[in-house]
C-alpha atoms as a PDB file:
ATOM      1  CA  MET A   1       7.438 135.205  42.077  1.00  0.00           C
ATOM      2  CA  SER A   2       6.196 131.811  43.103  1.00  0.00           C
ATOM      3  CA  HIS A   3       8.789 129.327  44.609  1.00  0.00           C
ATOM      4  CA  LEU A   4       7.125 126.570  42.614  1.00  0.00           C
ATOM      5  CA  LEU A   5       7.259 128.583  39.401  1.00  0.00           C
ATOM      6  CA  LYS A   6      11.011 129.513  39.505  1.00  0.00           C
ATOM      7  CA  PRO A   7      13.379 127.667  37.015  1.00  0.00           C
ATOM      8  CA  LEU A   8      16.110 125.696  37.987  1.00  0.00           C
ATOM      9  CA  GLN A   9      19.032 124.362  36.124  1.00  0.00           C
ATOM     10  CA  ALA A  10      20.447 121.088  36.780  1.00  0.00           C
ATOM     11  CA  GLY A  11      23.852 120.381  34.794  1.00  0.00           C
ATOM     12  CA  SER A  12      22.473 120.443  30.800  1.00  0.00           C
ATOM     13  CA  LEU A  13      18.903 120.127  32.155  1.00  0.00           C
ATOM     14  CA  SER A  14      16.640 123.501  32.392  1.00  0.00           C
ATOM     15  CA  LEU A  15      13.487 123.277  33.888  1.00  0.00           C
ATOM     16  CA  HIS A  16      10.901 125.826  33.782  1.00  0.00           C
ATOM     17  CA  ASN A  17       9.517 125.328  36.844  1.00  0.00           C
ATOM     18  CA  ARG A  18       9.688 123.159  40.322  1.00  0.00           C
ATOM     19  CA  LEU A  19       6.849 121.064  39.344  1.00  0.00           C
ATOM     20  CA  ILE A  20       7.272 117.240  38.295  1.00  0.00           C
ATOM     21  CA  MET A  21       5.758 114.176  38.140  1.00  0.00           C
ATOM     22  CA  PRO A  22       7.409 110.803  39.297  1.00  0.00           C
ATOM     23  CA  PRO A  23       7.225 107.621  37.898  1.00  0.00           C
ATOM     24  CA  MET A  24       4.685 105.773  38.370  1.00  0.00           C
ATOM     25  CA  ALA A  25       3.745 102.290  37.337  1.00  0.00           C
ATOM     26  CA  THR A  26       0.823 102.179  34.758  1.00  0.00           C
ATOM     27  CA  ALA A  27       1.170  98.678  33.485  1.00  0.00           C
ATOM     28  CA  LYS A  28       0.288  99.748  30.159  1.00  0.00           C
ATOM     29  CA  ALA A  29       2.837  98.460  28.144  1.00  0.00           C
ATOM     30  CA  GLY A  30       2.507  95.704  25.398  1.00  0.00           C
ATOM     31  CA  PRO A  31       3.340  91.945  26.107  1.00  0.00           C
ATOM     32  CA  ASP A  32       7.069  92.534  24.700  1.00  0.00           C
ATOM     33  CA  GLY A  33       7.662  95.517  27.040  1.00  0.00           C
ATOM     34  CA  LYS A  34       7.130  97.859  24.101  1.00  0.00           C
ATOM     35  CA  VAL A  35       5.051 101.555  24.250  1.00  0.00           C
ATOM     36  CA  SER A  36       1.734 100.953  23.628  1.00  0.00           C
ATOM     37  CA  GLN A  37      -0.563 103.276  22.329  1.00  0.00           C
ATOM     38  CA  GLY A  38      -2.060 103.177  26.052  1.00  0.00           C
ATOM     39  CA  VAL A  39       1.109 104.383  27.182  1.00  0.00           C
ATOM     40  CA  LEU A  40       1.217 107.043  24.757  1.00  0.00           C
ATOM     41  CA  ASP A  41      -2.095 108.291  25.352  1.00  0.00           C
ATOM     42  CA  TYR A  42      -1.469 108.490  29.478  1.00  0.00           C
ATOM     43  CA  TYR A  43       2.102 110.634  28.738  1.00  0.00           C
ATOM     44  CA  LYS A  44       0.143 112.889  26.408  1.00  0.00           C
ATOM     45  CA  GLU A  45      -2.646 113.608  28.470  1.00  0.00           C
ATOM     46  CA  LYS A  46      -0.426 113.898  31.655  1.00  0.00           C
ATOM     47  CA  SER A  47       1.899 116.079  30.006  1.00  0.00           C
ATOM     48  CA  ALA A  48      -0.872 118.200  28.086  1.00  0.00           C
ATOM     49  CA  GLY A  49       0.300 122.070  28.278  1.00  0.00           C
ATOM     50  CA  GLY A  50       3.587 121.833  29.630  1.00  0.00           C
ATOM     51  CA  TYR A  51       2.468 122.706  33.158  1.00  0.00           C
ATOM     52  CA  LEU A  52       4.763 120.028  34.660  1.00  0.00           C
ATOM     53  CA  SER A  53       8.375 120.772  33.637  1.00  0.00           C
ATOM     54  CA  LEU A  54       9.166 116.973  33.844  1.00  0.00           C
ATOM     55  CA  ILE A  55       7.957 113.481  33.656  1.00  0.00           C
ATOM     56  CA  ILE A  56       9.884 111.046  35.016  1.00  0.00           C
ATOM     57  CA  ILE A  57       9.011 107.877  32.550  1.00  0.00           C
ATOM     58  CA  GLU A  58       8.124 104.533  35.033  1.00  0.00           C
ATOM     59  CA  HIS A  59      10.905 102.118  35.949  1.00  0.00           C
ATOM     60  CA  SER A  60      11.648  99.939  32.668  1.00  0.00           C
ATOM     61  CA  PHE A  61      13.417  96.813  33.191  1.00  0.00           C
ATOM     62  CA  ILE A  62      16.955  96.328  31.589  1.00  0.00           C
ATOM     63  CA  GLN A  63      17.166  92.731  31.474  1.00  0.00           C
ATOM     64  CA  LEU A  64      14.329  90.098  31.538  1.00  0.00           C
ATOM     65  CA  ALA A  65      15.439  88.771  34.810  1.00  0.00           C
ATOM     66  CA  GLY A  66      14.798  92.076  36.722  1.00  0.00           C
ATOM     67  CA  LYS A  67      11.505  92.502  35.373  1.00  0.00           C
ATOM     68  CA  ALA A  68       9.131  93.365  38.062  1.00  0.00           C
ATOM     69  CA  SER A  69       5.620  92.251  36.647  1.00  0.00           C
ATOM     70  CA  GLU A  70       3.445  92.009  33.324  1.00  0.00           C
ATOM     71  CA  ASN A  71       3.403  94.647  30.937  1.00  0.00           C
ATOM     72  CA  GLN A  72       6.119  96.399  32.857  1.00  0.00           C
ATOM     73  CA  LEU A  73       8.310  98.801  30.102  1.00  0.00           C
ATOM     74  CA  SER A  74      11.463  97.318  28.895  1.00  0.00           C
ATOM     75  CA  ILE A  75      14.108  99.288  28.206  1.00  0.00           C
ATOM     76  CA  ALA A  76      16.249  95.516  27.664  1.00  0.00           C
ATOM     77  CA  ASP A  77      17.085  95.693  23.968  1.00  0.00           C
ATOM     78  CA  ASP A  78      17.159  97.813  20.803  1.00  0.00           C
ATOM     79  CA  SER A  79      14.005  97.026  19.436  1.00  0.00           C
ATOM     80  CA  VAL A  80      12.382  99.051  22.130  1.00  0.00           C
ATOM     81  CA  VAL A  81      13.892 102.309  21.000  1.00  0.00           C
ATOM     82  CA  ALA A  82      11.394 103.146  18.089  1.00  0.00           C
ATOM     83  CA  GLY A  83       8.573 103.561  20.505  1.00  0.00           C
ATOM     84  CA  TYR A  84      10.604 105.629  23.183  1.00  0.00           C
ATOM     85  CA  LYS A  85      11.282 108.383  20.429  1.00  0.00           C
ATOM     86  CA  LYS A  86       7.424 108.686  19.532  1.00  0.00           C
ATOM     87  CA  LEU A  87       7.040 108.904  23.735  1.00  0.00           C
ATOM     88  CA  ALA A  88       9.680 111.704  24.504  1.00  0.00           C
ATOM     89  CA  GLU A  89       8.624 113.576  21.131  1.00  0.00           C
ATOM     90  CA  ALA A  90       5.086 113.447  22.380  1.00  0.00           C
ATOM     91  CA  ILE A  91       6.022 114.970  25.722  1.00  0.00           C
ATOM     92  CA  HIS A  92       8.083 117.580  24.413  1.00  0.00           C
ATOM     93  CA  ASN A  93       5.326 118.751  21.830  1.00  0.00           C
ATOM     94  CA  ASN A  94       3.397 119.394  25.110  1.00  0.00           C
ATOM     95  CA  GLY A  95       6.224 121.441  26.373  1.00  0.00           C
ATOM     96  CA  SER A  96       7.564 119.078  29.355  1.00  0.00           C
ATOM     97  CA  LYS A  97      11.507 117.602  29.352  1.00  0.00           C
ATOM     98  CA  THR A  98      11.276 113.764  29.999  1.00  0.00           C
ATOM     99  CA  VAL A  99      13.686 111.458  32.040  1.00  0.00           C
ATOM    100  CA  MET A 100      13.376 107.447  31.877  1.00  0.00           C
ATOM    101  CA  GLN A 101      13.751 105.413  34.884  1.00  0.00           C
ATOM    102  CA  ILE A 102      15.717 102.546  34.480  1.00  0.00           C
ATOM    103  CA  ASN A 103      15.580  99.254  36.861  1.00  0.00           C
ATOM    104  CA  HIS A 104      16.467  95.747  37.647  1.00  0.00           C
ATOM    105  CA  ALA A 105      13.904  94.473  40.022  1.00  0.00           C
ATOM    106  CA  GLY A 106      15.996  91.867  41.916  1.00  0.00           C
ATOM    107  CA  SER A 107      14.864  89.917  44.344  1.00  0.00           C
ATOM    108  CA  ALA A 108      11.341  91.663  43.902  1.00  0.00           C
ATOM    109  CA  ALA A 109      11.202  90.127  40.400  1.00  0.00           C
ATOM    110  CA  ASN A 110       7.982  87.935  39.934  1.00  0.00           C
ATOM    111  CA  PRO A 111       9.298  84.208  39.376  1.00  0.00           C
ATOM    112  CA  LYS A 112       6.052  83.368  37.217  1.00  0.00           C
ATOM    113  CA  VAL A 113       7.096  86.516  35.129  1.00  0.00           C
ATOM    114  CA  ILE A 114      10.741  86.000  34.444  1.00  0.00           C
ATOM    115  CA  GLY A 115      10.478  82.254  34.305  1.00  0.00           C
ATOM    116  CA  THR A 116      13.221  81.734  36.731  1.00  0.00           C
ATOM    117  CA  THR A 117      14.778  82.228  40.158  1.00  0.00           C
ATOM    118  CA  PRO A 118      15.189  86.037  40.746  1.00  0.00           C
ATOM    119  CA  VAL A 119      18.948  87.126  41.675  1.00  0.00           C
ATOM    120  CA  GLY A 120      19.707  89.295  44.416  1.00  0.00           C
ATOM    121  CA  PRO A 121      22.843  90.464  46.405  1.00  0.00           C
ATOM    122  CA  SER A 122      22.289  87.736  48.986  1.00  0.00           C
ATOM    123  CA  ALA A 123      20.333  84.600  49.501  1.00  0.00           C
ATOM    124  CA  VAL A 124      18.141  85.850  51.955  1.00  0.00           C
ATOM    125  CA  ILE A 125      14.055  86.852  52.264  1.00  0.00           C
ATOM    126  CA  ASN A 126      12.961  90.027  50.216  1.00  0.00           C
ATOM    127  CA  PRO A 127      11.012  91.599  53.105  1.00  0.00           C
ATOM    128  CA  ARG A 128       8.533  92.954  50.372  1.00  0.00           C
ATOM    129  CA  LYS A 129       7.773  89.901  48.289  1.00  0.00           C
ATOM    130  CA  GLY A 130       9.013  86.994  50.667  1.00  0.00           C
ATOM    131  CA  SER A 131      11.022  84.977  48.178  1.00  0.00           C
ATOM    132  CA  ILE A 132      14.558  84.247  48.355  1.00  0.00           C
ATOM    133  CA  PRO A 133      16.807  84.926  45.672  1.00  0.00           C
ATOM    134  CA  HIS A 134      19.695  83.367  43.953  1.00  0.00           C
ATOM    135  CA  GLU A 135      22.673  85.128  45.585  1.00  0.00           C
ATOM    136  CA  LEU A 136      24.862  86.827  42.302  1.00  0.00           C
ATOM    137  CA  THR A 137      28.591  86.321  41.595  1.00  0.00           C
ATOM    138  CA  LYS A 138      30.799  88.891  41.109  1.00  0.00           C
ATOM    139  CA  GLN A 139      30.869  88.225  37.123  1.00  0.00           C
ATOM    140  CA  GLN A 140      27.023  88.283  37.471  1.00  0.00           C
ATOM    141  CA  ILE A 141      27.247  91.650  39.144  1.00  0.00           C
ATOM    142  CA  VAL A 142      29.305  93.174  36.282  1.00  0.00           C
ATOM    143  CA  GLU A 143      26.866  91.730  33.625  1.00  0.00           C
ATOM    144  CA  ILE A 144      24.078  93.534  35.594  1.00  0.00           C
ATOM    145  CA  VAL A 145      26.002  97.072  35.544  1.00  0.00           C
ATOM    146  CA  THR A 146      26.679  96.510  31.895  1.00  0.00           C
ATOM    147  CA  ASP A 147      22.912  96.268  31.181  1.00  0.00           C
ATOM    148  CA  PHE A 148      22.516  99.348  33.228  1.00  0.00           C
ATOM    149  CA  GLN A 149      25.062 101.101  30.916  1.00  0.00           C
ATOM    150  CA  ARG A 150      23.556  99.644  27.551  1.00  0.00           C
ATOM    151  CA  ALA A 151      19.728 100.650  28.696  1.00  0.00           C
ATOM    152  CA  ALA A 152      21.203 104.152  29.556  1.00  0.00           C
ATOM    153  CA  LEU A 153      22.342 104.687  26.067  1.00  0.00           C
ATOM    154  CA  ARG A 154      19.236 103.484  24.579  1.00  0.00           C
ATOM    155  CA  VAL A 155      17.243 106.089  26.800  1.00  0.00           C
ATOM    156  CA  LYS A 156      19.693 108.723  24.960  1.00  0.00           C
ATOM    157  CA  GLU A 157      19.464 107.551  21.761  1.00  0.00           C
ATOM    158  CA  ALA A 158      15.635 107.599  22.215  1.00  0.00           C
ATOM    159  CA  GLY A 159      15.562 111.385  22.787  1.00  0.00           C
ATOM    160  CA  PHE A 160      15.002 111.873  26.354  1.00  0.00           C
ATOM    161  CA  ASP A 161      16.494 114.468  28.378  1.00  0.00           C
ATOM    162  CA  GLY A 162      18.381 112.387  31.080  1.00  0.00           C
ATOM    163  CA  VAL A 163      18.292 108.937  32.660  1.00  0.00           C
ATOM    164  CA  GLU A 164      17.397 107.869  36.199  1.00  0.00           C
ATOM    165  CA  ILE A 165      18.939 105.108  38.037  1.00  0.00           C
ATOM    166  CA  HIS A 166      16.302 103.390  40.231  1.00  0.00           C
ATOM    167  CA  SER A 167      17.517 102.512  43.804  1.00  0.00           C
ATOM    168  CA  ALA A 168      14.180 102.744  46.081  1.00  0.00           C
ATOM    169  CA  HIS A 169      11.458 100.476  47.021  1.00  0.00           C
ATOM    170  CA  GLY A 170      13.056  97.382  47.662  1.00  0.00           C
ATOM    171  CA  TYR A 171      14.278  96.766  44.174  1.00  0.00           C
ATOM    172  CA  PHE A 172      17.823  95.630  43.323  1.00  0.00           C
ATOM    173  CA  LEU A 173      20.270  98.497  43.976  1.00  0.00           C
ATOM    174  CA  ASN A 174      18.404  99.346  46.791  1.00  0.00           C
ATOM    175  CA  GLN A 175      18.671  95.872  47.962  1.00  0.00           C
ATOM    176  CA  PHE A 176      22.485  96.255  47.969  1.00  0.00           C
ATOM    177  CA  PHE A 177      22.259  99.342  49.539  1.00  0.00           C
ATOM    178  CA  SER A 178      20.287  97.877  52.750  1.00  0.00           C
ATOM    179  CA  PRO A 179      21.805  95.318  55.625  1.00  0.00           C
ATOM    180  CA  LEU A 180      18.429  93.630  55.318  1.00  0.00           C
ATOM    181  CA  THR A 181      18.955  92.082  52.031  1.00  0.00           C
ATOM    182  CA  ASN A 182      22.587  92.393  51.839  1.00  0.00           C
ATOM    183  CA  HIS A 183      24.597  90.430  53.669  1.00  0.00           C
ATOM    184  CA  ARG A 184      27.784  89.766  51.620  1.00  0.00           C
ATOM    185  CA  LYS A 185      30.990  89.169  53.018  1.00  0.00           C
ATOM    186  CA  ASP A 186      32.888  90.351  49.756  1.00  0.00           C
ATOM    187  CA  GLU A 187      33.486  94.456  48.833  1.00  0.00           C
ATOM    188  CA  TYR A 188      29.860  94.519  47.886  1.00  0.00           C
ATOM    189  CA  GLY A 189      28.690  94.330  51.573  1.00  0.00           C
ATOM    190  CA  GLY A 190      28.906  95.516  55.010  1.00  0.00           C
ATOM    191  CA  THR A 191      30.157  98.741  55.266  1.00  0.00           C
ATOM    192  CA  ILE A 192      28.170 101.880  53.571  1.00  0.00           C
ATOM    193  CA  LEU A 193      30.658 102.261  51.333  1.00  0.00           C
ATOM    194  CA  ASN A 194      30.858  98.791  50.178  1.00  0.00           C
ATOM    195  CA  ARG A 195      26.981  98.771  49.881  1.00  0.00           C
ATOM    196  CA  ILE A 196      26.837 101.408  47.389  1.00  0.00           C
ATOM    197  CA  ARG A 197      29.876  99.977  45.163  1.00  0.00           C
ATOM    198  CA  ILE A 198      27.651  98.844  42.711  1.00  0.00           C
ATOM    199  CA  HIS A 199      25.863 102.263  42.398  1.00  0.00           C
ATOM    200  CA  LEU A 200      29.111 103.686  41.808  1.00  0.00           C
ATOM    201  CA  GLU A 201      29.920 101.266  39.222  1.00  0.00           C
ATOM    202  CA  VAL A 202      26.353 101.412  37.587  1.00  0.00           C
ATOM    203  CA  ILE A 203      26.719 105.843  37.728  1.00  0.00           C
ATOM    204  CA  ALA A 204      30.365 105.173  36.126  1.00  0.00           C
ATOM    205  CA  ALA A 205      29.399 102.932  33.336  1.00  0.00           C
ATOM    206  CA  VAL A 206      25.814 105.035  32.605  1.00  0.00           C
ATOM    207  CA  ARG A 207      28.251 108.203  32.464  1.00  0.00           C
ATOM    208  CA  LYS A 208      30.474 106.582  30.275  1.00  0.00           C
ATOM    209  CA  ALA A 209      27.769 105.440  27.644  1.00  0.00           C
ATOM    210  CA  VAL A 210      26.023 108.996  27.766  1.00  0.00           C
ATOM    211  CA  GLY A 211      28.932 110.938  27.632  1.00  0.00           C
ATOM    212  CA  LYS A 212      29.628 114.153  30.065  1.00  0.00           C
ATOM    213  CA  HIS A 213      26.445 116.375  29.689  1.00  0.00           C
ATOM    214  CA  PHE A 214      23.827 114.125  29.680  1.00  0.00           C
ATOM    215  CA  PRO A 215      21.918 114.294  33.235  1.00  0.00           C
ATOM    216  CA  ILE A 216      21.591 111.234  35.421  1.00  0.00           C
ATOM    217  CA  LEU A 217      19.558 111.283  38.182  1.00  0.00           C
ATOM    218  CA  LEU A 218      19.241 108.272  41.128  1.00  0.00           C
ATOM    219  CA  ARG A 219      16.469 107.780  42.875  1.00  0.00           C
ATOM    220  CA  LEU A 220      17.517 106.729  46.409  1.00  0.00           C
ATOM    221  CA  GLY A 221      15.079 104.841  49.058  1.00  0.00           C
ATOM    222  CA  ALA A 222      16.782 107.039  51.635  1.00  0.00           C
ATOM    223  CA  SER A 223      15.663 104.773  54.826  1.00  0.00           C
ATOM    224  CA  ASP A 224      13.710 101.481  55.691  1.00  0.00           C
ATOM    225  CA  PHE A 225      11.825 102.516  58.399  1.00  0.00           C
ATOM    226  CA  THR A 226      13.116  99.456  59.947  1.00  0.00           C
ATOM    227  CA  PRO A 227      14.950  98.253  62.450  1.00  0.00           C
ATOM    228  CA  GLY A 228      18.127  96.751  60.858  1.00  0.00           C
ATOM    229  CA  GLY A 229      17.569  98.436  57.602  1.00  0.00           C
ATOM    230  CA  THR A 230      19.205 101.430  56.118  1.00  0.00           C
ATOM    231  CA  SER A 231      18.639 105.036  57.633  1.00  0.00           C
ATOM    232  CA  ILE A 232      19.249 108.545  57.002  1.00  0.00           C
ATOM    233  CA  GLU A 233      22.998 108.347  58.172  1.00  0.00           C
ATOM    234  CA  ASP A 234      23.783 105.970  55.608  1.00  0.00           C
ATOM    235  CA  SER A 235      22.304 108.186  52.914  1.00  0.00           C
ATOM    236  CA  LEU A 236      23.953 111.426  54.218  1.00  0.00           C
ATOM    237  CA  ILE A 237      27.331 109.060  53.330  1.00  0.00           C
ATOM    238  CA  ALA A 238      25.471 107.831  50.244  1.00  0.00           C
ATOM    239  CA  ALA A 239      24.311 111.262  48.515  1.00  0.00           C
ATOM    240  CA  GLN A 240      27.789 112.706  48.995  1.00  0.00           C
ATOM    241  CA  GLU A 241      29.575 109.624  47.257  1.00  0.00           C
ATOM    242  CA  PHE A 242      26.768 110.090  44.120  1.00  0.00           C
ATOM    243  CA  GLU A 243      26.850 113.768  43.698  1.00  0.00           C
ATOM    244  CA  LYS A 244      31.072 112.987  44.063  1.00  0.00           C
ATOM    245  CA  ALA A 245      30.277 110.428  41.000  1.00  0.00           C
ATOM    246  CA  GLY A 246      28.725 112.572  38.705  1.00  0.00           C
ATOM    247  CA  VAL A 247      24.613 112.280  39.746  1.00  0.00           C
ATOM    248  CA  ASP A 248      23.264 115.660  38.668  1.00  0.00           C
ATOM    249  CA  ILE A 249      19.748 115.099  40.707  1.00  0.00           C
ATOM    250  CA  LEU A 250      18.805 113.132  43.598  1.00  0.00           C
ATOM    251  CA  ASP A 251      14.859 111.943  44.018  1.00  0.00           C
ATOM    252  CA  ILE A 252      13.973 110.814  47.379  1.00  0.00           C
ATOM    253  CA  SER A 253      11.829 107.834  48.309  1.00  0.00           C
ATOM    254  CA  GLY A 254      11.379 105.176  50.504  1.00  0.00           C
ATOM    255  CA  GLY A 255      13.482 102.161  50.525  1.00  0.00           C
ATOM    256  CA  PHE A 256      11.767  98.428  51.608  1.00  0.00           C
ATOM    257  CA  CYS A 257       8.982 100.647  53.131  1.00  0.00           C
ATOM    258  CA  GLY A 258       8.156 101.573  49.751  1.00  0.00           C
ATOM    259  CA  TYR A 259       6.743 105.227  48.466  1.00  0.00           C
ATOM    260  CA  ILE A 260       4.757 105.227  52.004  1.00  0.00           C
ATOM    261  CA  ILE A 261       6.100 105.630  55.363  1.00  0.00           C
ATOM    262  CA  PRO A 262       5.002 102.787  57.782  1.00  0.00           C
ATOM    263  CA  GLY A 263       1.300 103.519  59.283  1.00  0.00           C
ATOM    264  CA  GLY A 264       1.075 106.191  56.810  1.00  0.00           C
ATOM    265  CA  SER A 265       0.694 109.635  56.966  1.00  0.00           C
ATOM    266  CA  GLU A 266      -1.537 112.607  56.179  1.00  0.00           C
ATOM    267  CA  GLU A 267       1.047 115.180  56.100  1.00  0.00           C
ATOM    268  CA  GLN A 268       2.090 116.597  53.098  1.00  0.00           C
ATOM    269  CA  GLY A 269       5.680 115.746  51.808  1.00  0.00           C
ATOM    270  CA  TYR A 270       6.163 113.118  54.515  1.00  0.00           C
ATOM    271  CA  PHE A 271      10.182 112.407  53.032  1.00  0.00           C
ATOM    272  CA  ALA A 272      10.692 116.025  53.915  1.00  0.00           C
ATOM    273  CA  PRO A 273      13.067 115.284  57.087  1.00  0.00           C
ATOM    274  CA  LEU A 274      14.971 112.947  54.419  1.00  0.00           C
ATOM    275  CA  THR A 275      15.257 115.620  51.542  1.00  0.00           C
ATOM    276  CA  THR A 276      16.136 118.467  54.599  1.00  0.00           C
ATOM    277  CA  ALA A 277      19.063 116.079  56.029  1.00  0.00           C
ATOM    278  CA  ILE A 278      20.193 115.518  52.559  1.00  0.00           C
ATOM    279  CA  LYS A 279      20.295 118.793  51.086  1.00  0.00           C
ATOM    280  CA  LYS A 280      22.228 120.003  53.833  1.00  0.00           C
ATOM    281  CA  VAL A 281      25.261 117.335  52.585  1.00  0.00           C
ATOM    282  CA  VAL A 282      24.620 118.158  48.656  1.00  0.00           C
ATOM    283  CA  SER A 283      25.072 120.912  46.282  1.00  0.00           C
ATOM    284  CA  ILE A 284      22.780 119.259  43.573  1.00  0.00           C
ATOM    285  CA  PRO A 285      19.139 119.782  43.270  1.00  0.00           C
ATOM    286  CA  VAL A 286      16.974 117.112  45.611  1.00  0.00           C
ATOM    287  CA  ILE A 287      13.667 115.806  44.473  1.00  0.00           C
ATOM    288  CA  LEU A 288      10.834 115.641  47.222  1.00  0.00           C
ATOM    289  CA  THR A 289       7.594 113.438  46.972  1.00  0.00           C
ATOM    290  CA  GLY A 290       5.439 111.852  49.175  1.00  0.00           C
ATOM    291  CA  GLY A 291       1.866 112.790  49.761  1.00  0.00           C
ATOM    292  CA  ILE A 292       1.659 116.233  48.132  1.00  0.00           C
ATOM    293  CA  THR A 293      -1.890 117.379  46.886  1.00  0.00           C
ATOM    294  CA  LYS A 294      -2.320 120.649  47.239  1.00  0.00           C
ATOM    295  CA  ALA A 295      -0.192 123.432  45.758  1.00  0.00           C
ATOM    296  CA  GLU A 296       0.235 126.019  48.604  1.00  0.00           C
ATOM    297  CA  ALA A 297       1.517 123.035  50.480  1.00  0.00           C
ATOM    298  CA  ALA A 298       4.262 122.197  47.555  1.00  0.00           C
ATOM    299  CA  GLU A 299       4.969 125.800  47.755  1.00  0.00           C
ATOM    300  CA  GLN A 300       5.413 125.940  51.520  1.00  0.00           C
ATOM    301  CA  LEU A 301       7.841 122.913  51.421  1.00  0.00           C
ATOM    302  CA  LEU A 302      10.050 124.802  48.792  1.00  0.00           C
ATOM    303  CA  ALA A 303       9.984 127.926  50.534  1.00  0.00           C
ATOM    304  CA  GLU A 304      11.295 126.480  53.535  1.00  0.00           C
ATOM    305  CA  GLY A 305      14.047 125.095  51.832  1.00  0.00           C
ATOM    306  CA  LYS A 306      13.280 121.284  52.157  1.00  0.00           C
ATOM    307  CA  ALA A 307      13.382 120.479  48.631  1.00  0.00           C
ATOM    308  CA  ASP A 308      14.366 122.030  45.184  1.00  0.00           C
ATOM    309  CA  LEU A 309      11.692 120.059  43.345  1.00  0.00           C
ATOM    310  CA  ILE A 310       8.788 118.825  43.944  1.00  0.00           C
ATOM    311  CA  GLY A 311       7.210 115.399  42.332  1.00  0.00           C
ATOM    312  CA  VAL A 312       3.142 115.594  42.693  1.00  0.00           C
ATOM    313  CA  GLY A 313       2.273 111.305  42.014  1.00  0.00           C
ATOM    314  CA  ARG A 314      -1.163 110.368  42.983  1.00  0.00           C
ATOM    315  CA  ALA A 315      -2.906 113.872  42.397  1.00  0.00           C
ATOM    316  CA  VAL A 316      -1.501 113.838  39.007  1.00  0.00           C
ATOM    317  CA  PHE A 317      -2.491 110.086  38.295  1.00  0.00           C
ATOM    318  CA  LYS A 318      -6.312 110.776  39.827  1.00  0.00           C
ATOM    319  CA  ASN A 319      -6.550 114.263  38.129  1.00  0.00           C
ATOM    320  CA  SER A 320      -4.604 115.262  34.837  1.00  0.00           C
ATOM    321  CA  GLU A 321      -5.349 118.739  35.367  1.00  0.00           C
ATOM    322  CA  TRP A 322      -4.021 119.316  38.798  1.00  0.00           C
ATOM    323  CA  ALA A 323      -0.600 120.942  37.789  1.00  0.00           C
ATOM    324  CA  LYS A 324      -2.517 123.297  35.840  1.00  0.00           C
ATOM    325  CA  GLN A 325      -4.741 123.926  38.671  1.00  0.00           C
ATOM    326  CA  ALA A 326      -1.999 124.129  41.142  1.00  0.00           C
ATOM    327  CA  ILE A 327       0.096 126.521  39.050  1.00  0.00           C
ATOM    328  CA  LYS A 328      -2.947 128.973  38.273  1.00  0.00           C
ATOM    329  CA  THR A 329      -3.735 129.074  41.779  1.00  0.00           C
ATOM    330  CA  LEU A 330      -0.234 130.349  42.847  1.00  0.00           C
ATOM    331  CA  SER A 331      -0.123 133.030  39.756  1.00  0.00           C
ATOM    332  CA  ASN A 332      -3.151 134.398  41.444  1.00  0.00           C
ATOM    333  CA  THR A 333      -1.702 134.376  44.615  1.00  0.00           C
ATOM    334  CA  LYS A 334       1.743 135.886  43.917  1.00  0.00           C
END
């Protein structure tokens, strides 16, 4: 059997193959952040036929101060749950599992969108956005951790199969992780263990809310690819701590470099050096994304043990038949 077609069990999450759709912002939500008909139609189309075993819904903001952009999905209050129930049901009816990614933009939030100064671990410039945030107090950190917890519970109530905590692409949790933006002198700054303290608090709070058997994923920006930023050495420590804290799947991407690597890359699965290293120190499944457009490349990356699950984003975004065609190709060649 093709490696891509093999099932996978991660905690209580059963996936019928190794092909997933990673989170990609659509800007199709209503002005209030609720699930619109456009959002429903988009995910119905992408999940049609159930060829993708898992659909990870684009990042949804946990509080207004953490909203990244206009028409971003919200998971910030109970009024959104009804719409998400329709979304989860639509994807399930097509034969795929679905997880929602929850996020706070931190200093990457647009002041015009949130109506106030963004917040972050330290009052230093955001390398991607150029803005300087208000430095959070410890009490404000506690409040944001609580909002992650409440958001995760809404995800469960809406019928999703798991929740993904976003700590990549220069957003809030990634800002604590990276020395580029975390200059704190208290227990949330300095050493790698201090810089992931808030991550461990969020994981613990989410687990308390959703219970022992609800899958928790974490998307980690495993390297900033920038002098003075995070490195794979940091992420090897972080990944082990996240597994010990109860994370079921690690979803690996970039940090302040975003979802690409500096200078760009034509390589299929250009984050593979990161996932390969992380897989050596954890026993939980690892997701690899990054420029994968060919089924044969996805198959080879799995065969070489560079990841456990393959995320195909832009190719699926451009062609909703991509997964169907990929599986047909691999079924015919094995």
